[in-house]
Amino acid sequence: MNLDTHVEDVIRHLELEDLDDVVLVGHSYGGMVVTGVADRVPERIAEHPLAAFEQPLRLEGRGNDIPATYIRCTESDVPLESFIARARVAGWTMRELATGHDAQVFDPAGLVGLLVAE
């Protein structure tokens, strides 16, 4: 498997599900995948979504009783301070991991340890 395989997998999914006007989102390496997909089947793609970061999330409050934890990656340069402040106000449990934004890559064991901590 390689980058071409991943691009082709996404294209085939779009075709099999007959999806059009799609907003593709790719995290890190996934950015290369979605860029390749957009180049190969532009007629199925709506955009790379800046709006996804600007639109407020609409909630009904049905999940308010589910415990939530925010894991702050302390070596990340992603500006998330306003989100972290909102999570604190909402009562989320806060944990820290000394890694960059891609904790699942840089410290998977440490991330798993925080995810399964009680």
C-alpha atoms as a PDB file:
ATOM      1  CA  MET A   1       0.000   0.000   0.000  1.00  0.00           C
ATOM      2  CA  ASN A   2       1.146   3.509  -0.746  1.00  0.00           C
ATOM      3  CA  LEU A   3      -0.145   7.015  -1.349  1.00  0.00           C
ATOM      4  CA  ASP A   4      -1.679   6.039  -4.698  1.00  0.00           C
ATOM      5  CA  THR A   5      -3.557   3.214  -2.966  1.00  0.00           C
ATOM      6  CA  HIS A   6      -5.026   5.596  -0.399  1.00  0.00           C
ATOM      7  CA  VAL A   7      -6.035   8.122  -3.056  1.00  0.00           C
ATOM      8  CA  GLU A   8      -7.675   5.359  -5.089  1.00  0.00           C
ATOM      9  CA  ASP A   9      -9.501   4.015  -2.010  1.00  0.00           C
ATOM     10  CA  VAL A  10     -11.114   7.400  -1.385  1.00  0.00           C
ATOM     11  CA  ILE A  11     -11.993   7.842  -5.066  1.00  0.00           C
ATOM     12  CA  ARG A  12     -13.643   4.414  -5.191  1.00  0.00           C
ATOM     13  CA  HIS A  13     -15.630   5.216  -2.049  1.00  0.00           C
ATOM     14  CA  LEU A  14     -16.883   8.451  -3.631  1.00  0.00           C
ATOM     15  CA  GLU A  15     -17.833   6.567  -6.782  1.00  0.00           C
ATOM     16  CA  LEU A  16     -19.466   3.552  -5.085  1.00  0.00           C
ATOM     17  CA  GLU A  17     -21.557   5.791  -2.837  1.00  0.00           C
ATOM     18  CA  ASP A  18     -22.200   8.190  -5.753  1.00  0.00           C
ATOM     19  CA  LEU A  19     -21.077  11.129  -3.627  1.00  0.00           C
ATOM     20  CA  ASP A  20     -20.860  14.626  -5.096  1.00  0.00           C
ATOM     21  CA  ASP A  21     -20.279  18.084  -3.655  1.00  0.00           C
ATOM     22  CA  VAL A  22     -18.011  16.467  -1.044  1.00  0.00           C
ATOM     23  CA  VAL A  23     -15.936  18.423   1.443  1.00  0.00           C
ATOM     24  CA  LEU A  24     -12.666  16.555   1.941  1.00  0.00           C
ATOM     25  CA  VAL A  25     -10.744  16.895   5.180  1.00  0.00           C
ATOM     26  CA  GLY A  26      -7.277  15.472   5.654  1.00  0.00           C
ATOM     27  CA  HIS A  27      -5.188  15.512   8.816  1.00  0.00           C
ATOM     28  CA  SER A  28      -1.434  15.584   8.362  1.00  0.00           C
ATOM     29  CA  TYR A  29      -0.582  12.816   5.846  1.00  0.00           C
ATOM     30  CA  GLY A  30      -4.268  12.765   4.936  1.00  0.00           C
ATOM     31  CA  GLY A  31      -3.761  16.188   3.373  1.00  0.00           C
ATOM     32  CA  MET A  32      -1.768  14.540   0.603  1.00  0.00           C
ATOM     33  CA  VAL A  33      -4.484  11.951   0.105  1.00  0.00           C
ATOM     34  CA  VAL A  34      -7.311  14.474  -0.228  1.00  0.00           C
ATOM     35  CA  THR A  35      -5.186  16.685  -2.487  1.00  0.00           C
ATOM     36  CA  GLY A  36      -4.634  13.700  -4.778  1.00  0.00           C
ATOM     37  CA  VAL A  37      -8.335  12.873  -4.740  1.00  0.00           C
ATOM     38  CA  ALA A  38      -9.308  16.457  -5.563  1.00  0.00           C
ATOM     39  CA  ASP A  39      -6.874  16.443  -8.472  1.00  0.00           C
ATOM     40  CA  ARG A  40      -8.250  13.166  -9.870  1.00  0.00           C
ATOM     41  CA  VAL A  41     -12.010  13.721  -9.412  1.00  0.00           C
ATOM     42  CA  PRO A  42     -12.572  17.490  -9.040  1.00  0.00           C
ATOM     43  CA  GLU A  43     -16.156  17.151 -10.285  1.00  0.00           C
ATOM     44  CA  ARG A  44     -17.060  15.365  -7.025  1.00  0.00           C
ATOM     45  CA  ILE A  45     -15.399  17.852  -4.682  1.00  0.00           C
ATOM     46  CA  ALA A  46     -16.947  21.005  -3.255  1.00  0.00           C
ATOM     47  CA  GLU A  47     -13.851  22.461  -1.383  1.00  0.00           C
ATOM     48  CA  HIS A  48     -11.101  21.998   1.363  1.00  0.00           C
ATOM     49  CA  PRO A  49     -13.196  23.333   4.219  1.00  0.00           C
ATOM     50  CA  LEU A  50     -12.097  26.495   5.961  1.00  0.00           C
ATOM     51  CA  ALA A  51     -15.786  26.754   6.869  1.00  0.00           C
ATOM     52  CA  ALA A  52     -15.445  23.564   8.926  1.00  0.00           C
ATOM     53  CA  PHE A  53     -13.252  25.524  11.330  1.00  0.00           C
ATOM     54  CA  GLU A  54     -15.512  28.585  11.389  1.00  0.00           C
ATOM     55  CA  GLN A  55     -18.987  27.056  11.763  1.00  0.00           C
ATOM     56  CA  PRO A  56     -20.137  26.673  15.363  1.00  0.00           C
ATOM     57  CA  LEU A  57     -21.111  23.196  16.485  1.00  0.00           C
ATOM     58  CA  ARG A  58     -24.828  22.927  17.180  1.00  0.00           C
ATOM     59  CA  LEU A  59     -25.651  20.775  20.198  1.00  0.00           C
ATOM     60  CA  GLU A  60     -28.904  19.744  21.812  1.00  0.00           C
ATOM     61  CA  GLY A  61     -27.326  18.878  25.165  1.00  0.00           C
ATOM     62  CA  ARG A  62     -28.187  15.183  24.952  1.00  0.00           C
ATOM     63  CA  GLY A  63     -24.566  14.163  25.577  1.00  0.00           C
ATOM     64  CA  ASN A  64     -23.969  16.471  28.534  1.00  0.00           C
ATOM     65  CA  ASP A  65     -23.796  13.593  31.017  1.00  0.00           C
ATOM     66  CA  ILE A  66     -21.020  11.782  29.150  1.00  0.00           C
ATOM     67  CA  PRO A  67     -17.634  12.460  30.775  1.00  0.00           C
ATOM     68  CA  ALA A  68     -15.221  14.319  28.498  1.00  0.00           C
ATOM     69  CA  THR A  69     -11.449  14.584  28.646  1.00  0.00           C
ATOM     70  CA  TYR A  70      -9.182  16.974  26.784  1.00  0.00           C
ATOM     71  CA  ILE A  71      -5.609  15.834  26.208  1.00  0.00           C
ATOM     72  CA  ARG A  72      -3.388  18.854  25.668  1.00  0.00           C
ATOM     73  CA  CYS A  73      -0.244  18.106  23.695  1.00  0.00           C
ATOM     74  CA  THR A  74       2.159  20.492  25.418  1.00  0.00           C
ATOM     75  CA  GLU A  75       4.715  20.608  22.601  1.00  0.00           C
ATOM     76  CA  SER A  76       2.141  21.434  19.927  1.00  0.00           C
ATOM     77  CA  ASP A  77       2.177  24.795  18.220  1.00  0.00           C
ATOM     78  CA  VAL A  78      -1.481  24.519  17.186  1.00  0.00           C
ATOM     79  CA  PRO A  79      -3.311  27.520  18.713  1.00  0.00           C
ATOM     80  CA  LEU A  80      -6.062  25.859  20.749  1.00  0.00           C
ATOM     81  CA  GLU A  81      -6.052  28.027  23.883  1.00  0.00           C
ATOM     82  CA  SER A  82      -9.597  29.307  23.380  1.00  0.00           C
ATOM     83  CA  PHE A  83     -10.904  25.765  22.976  1.00  0.00           C
ATOM     84  CA  ILE A  84      -9.009  24.599  26.048  1.00  0.00           C
ATOM     85  CA  ALA A  85     -10.535  27.450  28.064  1.00  0.00           C
ATOM     86  CA  ARG A  86     -14.050  26.481  26.918  1.00  0.00           C
ATOM     87  CA  ALA A  87     -13.406  22.826  27.778  1.00  0.00           C
ATOM     88  CA  ARG A  88     -12.324  23.828  31.293  1.00  0.00           C
ATOM     89  CA  VAL A  89     -15.455  25.938  31.766  1.00  0.00           C
ATOM     90  CA  ALA A  90     -17.560  22.990  30.564  1.00  0.00           C
ATOM     91  CA  GLY A  91     -15.995  20.809  33.269  1.00  0.00           C
ATOM     92  CA  TRP A  92     -13.897  18.553  31.061  1.00  0.00           C
ATOM     93  CA  THR A  93     -11.102  16.589  32.705  1.00  0.00           C
ATOM     94  CA  MET A  94      -7.782  18.048  31.564  1.00  0.00           C
ATOM     95  CA  ARG A  95      -4.703  15.917  30.968  1.00  0.00           C
ATOM     96  CA  GLU A  96      -1.357  16.783  29.403  1.00  0.00           C
ATOM     97  CA  LEU A  97       1.068  14.845  27.259  1.00  0.00           C
ATOM     98  CA  ALA A  98       4.553  16.130  26.431  1.00  0.00           C
ATOM     99  CA  THR A  99       4.318  15.634  22.681  1.00  0.00           C
ATOM    100  CA  GLY A 100       3.418  17.459  19.489  1.00  0.00           C
ATOM    101  CA  HIS A 101       0.019  17.645  17.819  1.00  0.00           C
ATOM    102  CA  ASP A 102       0.234  14.106  16.447  1.00  0.00           C
ATOM    103  CA  ALA A 103       0.365  12.291  19.776  1.00  0.00           C
ATOM    104  CA  GLN A 104      -0.837   9.097  18.115  1.00  0.00           C
ATOM    105  CA  VAL A 105       2.409   9.140  16.112  1.00  0.00           C
ATOM    106  CA  PHE A 106       4.927  10.639  18.562  1.00  0.00           C
ATOM    107  CA  ASP A 107       3.831   8.936  21.785  1.00  0.00           C
ATOM    108  CA  PRO A 108       1.161   6.312  21.126  1.00  0.00           C
ATOM    109  CA  ALA A 109       1.798   4.490  24.404  1.00  0.00           C
ATOM    110  CA  GLY A 110       1.538   7.706  26.392  1.00  0.00           C
ATOM    111  CA  LEU A 111      -1.676   8.614  24.575  1.00  0.00           C
ATOM    112  CA  VAL A 112      -3.208   5.204  25.221  1.00  0.00           C
ATOM    113  CA  GLY A 113      -2.229   5.495  28.871  1.00  0.00           C
ATOM    114  CA  LEU A 114      -4.151   8.761  29.169  1.00  0.00           C
ATOM    115  CA  LEU A 115      -7.122   7.448  27.225  1.00  0.00           C
ATOM    116  CA  VAL A 116      -7.584   4.431  29.477  1.00  0.00           C
ATOM    117  CA  ALA A 117      -6.798   6.265  32.749  1.00  0.00           C
ATOM    118  CA  GLU A 118      -9.657   6.427  35.190  1.00  0.00           C
END
